Amino acid sequence: MPVNSFEDYPMSWKPTLNDAVKPLYLALARQLEQDIKKGNLLPGTKLPPQRELADFLDINVSTVSKACKVCELKGLLSATVGSGTFVSFDALANAYLLPDDKPRNLIEMGAVFPDTASFGPLIDHLKEMLNESDAEKLFNYSRPNANLWLKDAAVKLMEKGGFSPNPDSILFSNGGQNAITAILAGLCRHGDKIGADPHTYSGLKTTASMLGIQLTPIRHLDGEMDAEALIDACKNENIKGIYLIPDNHNPTTHTMSVERRQMIGEIAKEYGIFIIEDGAYHILSRETRPAVASFASEQTIYIASMSKTLAPGLRMAYVSVPESYRKAVSKALYNLNISVSPLMAVLGARVIVSGQLDDFIKNHQNNATRRNALANAYLCDYQCRGDETGIFRWLLLPGSITGSDFEALALKNGVRLYAAERFTVGNSLPSRAVRMSIGAPETLEELEQGLRILKKLLDQI
């Protein structure tokens, strides 16, 4: 302990460090993690300055810095230049949203996927493919360049989402989540920073944590990424890229204005960062807006996937990658072994080129409209955001109850949904809200039962 006493000195964290445990920075990181998990350090707590902690523990500042870095990469801390280091609001939130099982009598309104309207026609397509004379080729290794029509089909799909790429830019991935993993693995190193919305797709969070990539929350203005905040992050946080869901954002359901899309594209070009544009929900909307990629095609990696528009089990994603990033992303897809089987690639492409995709999408939109009308009827007294064709809603909670508390309350009463804390990035303050899937219940009757339970709980708050 240094000569100056810290006994009466106000510090948010006064750790004890056993200097017999080596290396010291890992021992300090472990104690910090334990204090967060035990509740001794609450989410949002600002840690003492690193020099102050080093003086308190009588160790080098570099030891404290390395310990904090370890915890940042685990998502436990969030550091902002000029503001300090905070315990992340999502430090204890589990971002993994696919439980191993569904308990009996539990109404699933957590997982996001469309209704089953397209399952029958997809099975018919699959049967036709398997009955063809050369069906054995569907079980061989994938060689996308040998089937250029698959890339043409990908372009047709992306055009429905407001982007028309060159077919040569197309790569294939076994689902959108895996595409994100390959992009980050190919373009980033351990410790790099990626900008994201204050609430973002939980799959991005789990992938970033696995790869040791820090997510930096970019402040919002009018419900969407603020241009000035993005510029500040480019200048001061040294972010390498950003992740966006411009249409029907998951989880907040917001759709970004065309003006903001263009502005973000211009900023990316000026500061040389890449954009990962997740188009998972683009074509579920009745209105097509230009993708961010259309304003910054050389900076944007655009992902169009099938699981949220056709069927969850159709693990098919098309990725348009600018030439400067293509080799790295292609190599990552190969090395991570998340390329697509010919069976899935051909099935997805046939649906697109056959013209049936438009019918599938229209059916999903009509079904979602009926389900959303039911949600509006039951939750008309509450703020429940979302488009009429969306497959999930963002329910703002009354009173002072937190999203986590309401998630637990709903589960206790037989409904699973997910709290804002699961989607929160870094030191962003979680909204008092929950994401509610209206497509997950198997029938309208089951959805109505779930809504009835949620309304009763909300009325009691």
Foldseek 3Di string as FASTA:
>chain_A
DDPDDCPVPDFLDQDAFDVVDPPRLCRVLVVVLVCDVVVSADFFDFGDPLVVNCNSHVHDSVSPVSSVLVCLLLQQWDQDVPPGITGFLLNPPALDQDDPDDDPLFFEFADAAFAQVQVVVLVVLLVVLCPDPPSVLLQDDDDVVVPLLLLVLVQLLVVLQADRDDSVQKAKFQADLVLLLLLCVLPHAAAAEEEEAQFARSSNVVSSSVRNYAYDHADDDPPDGDLVSVLCCLVGVVHQYYEDAQALGPPAGHHHDLVVLLSVLVSCVVSVHAYEYEPACRNLDPDHDHGSCVNNVQRYWYKYAPCRQRNVNLRIIMIRHHPVRRVSSVVSCVVVVGGDRSSSSVSSSCCSVVPVSVVSSVVSQVVQLVLVVLLCVLQVVFDWDHDSSGQKIKTAAPDDDAQVRVQVVLVVVRYHWAGQSSRGHHSRDGGRIIMTGSRRGNDSVSSNVSSVSSSVVRVVD
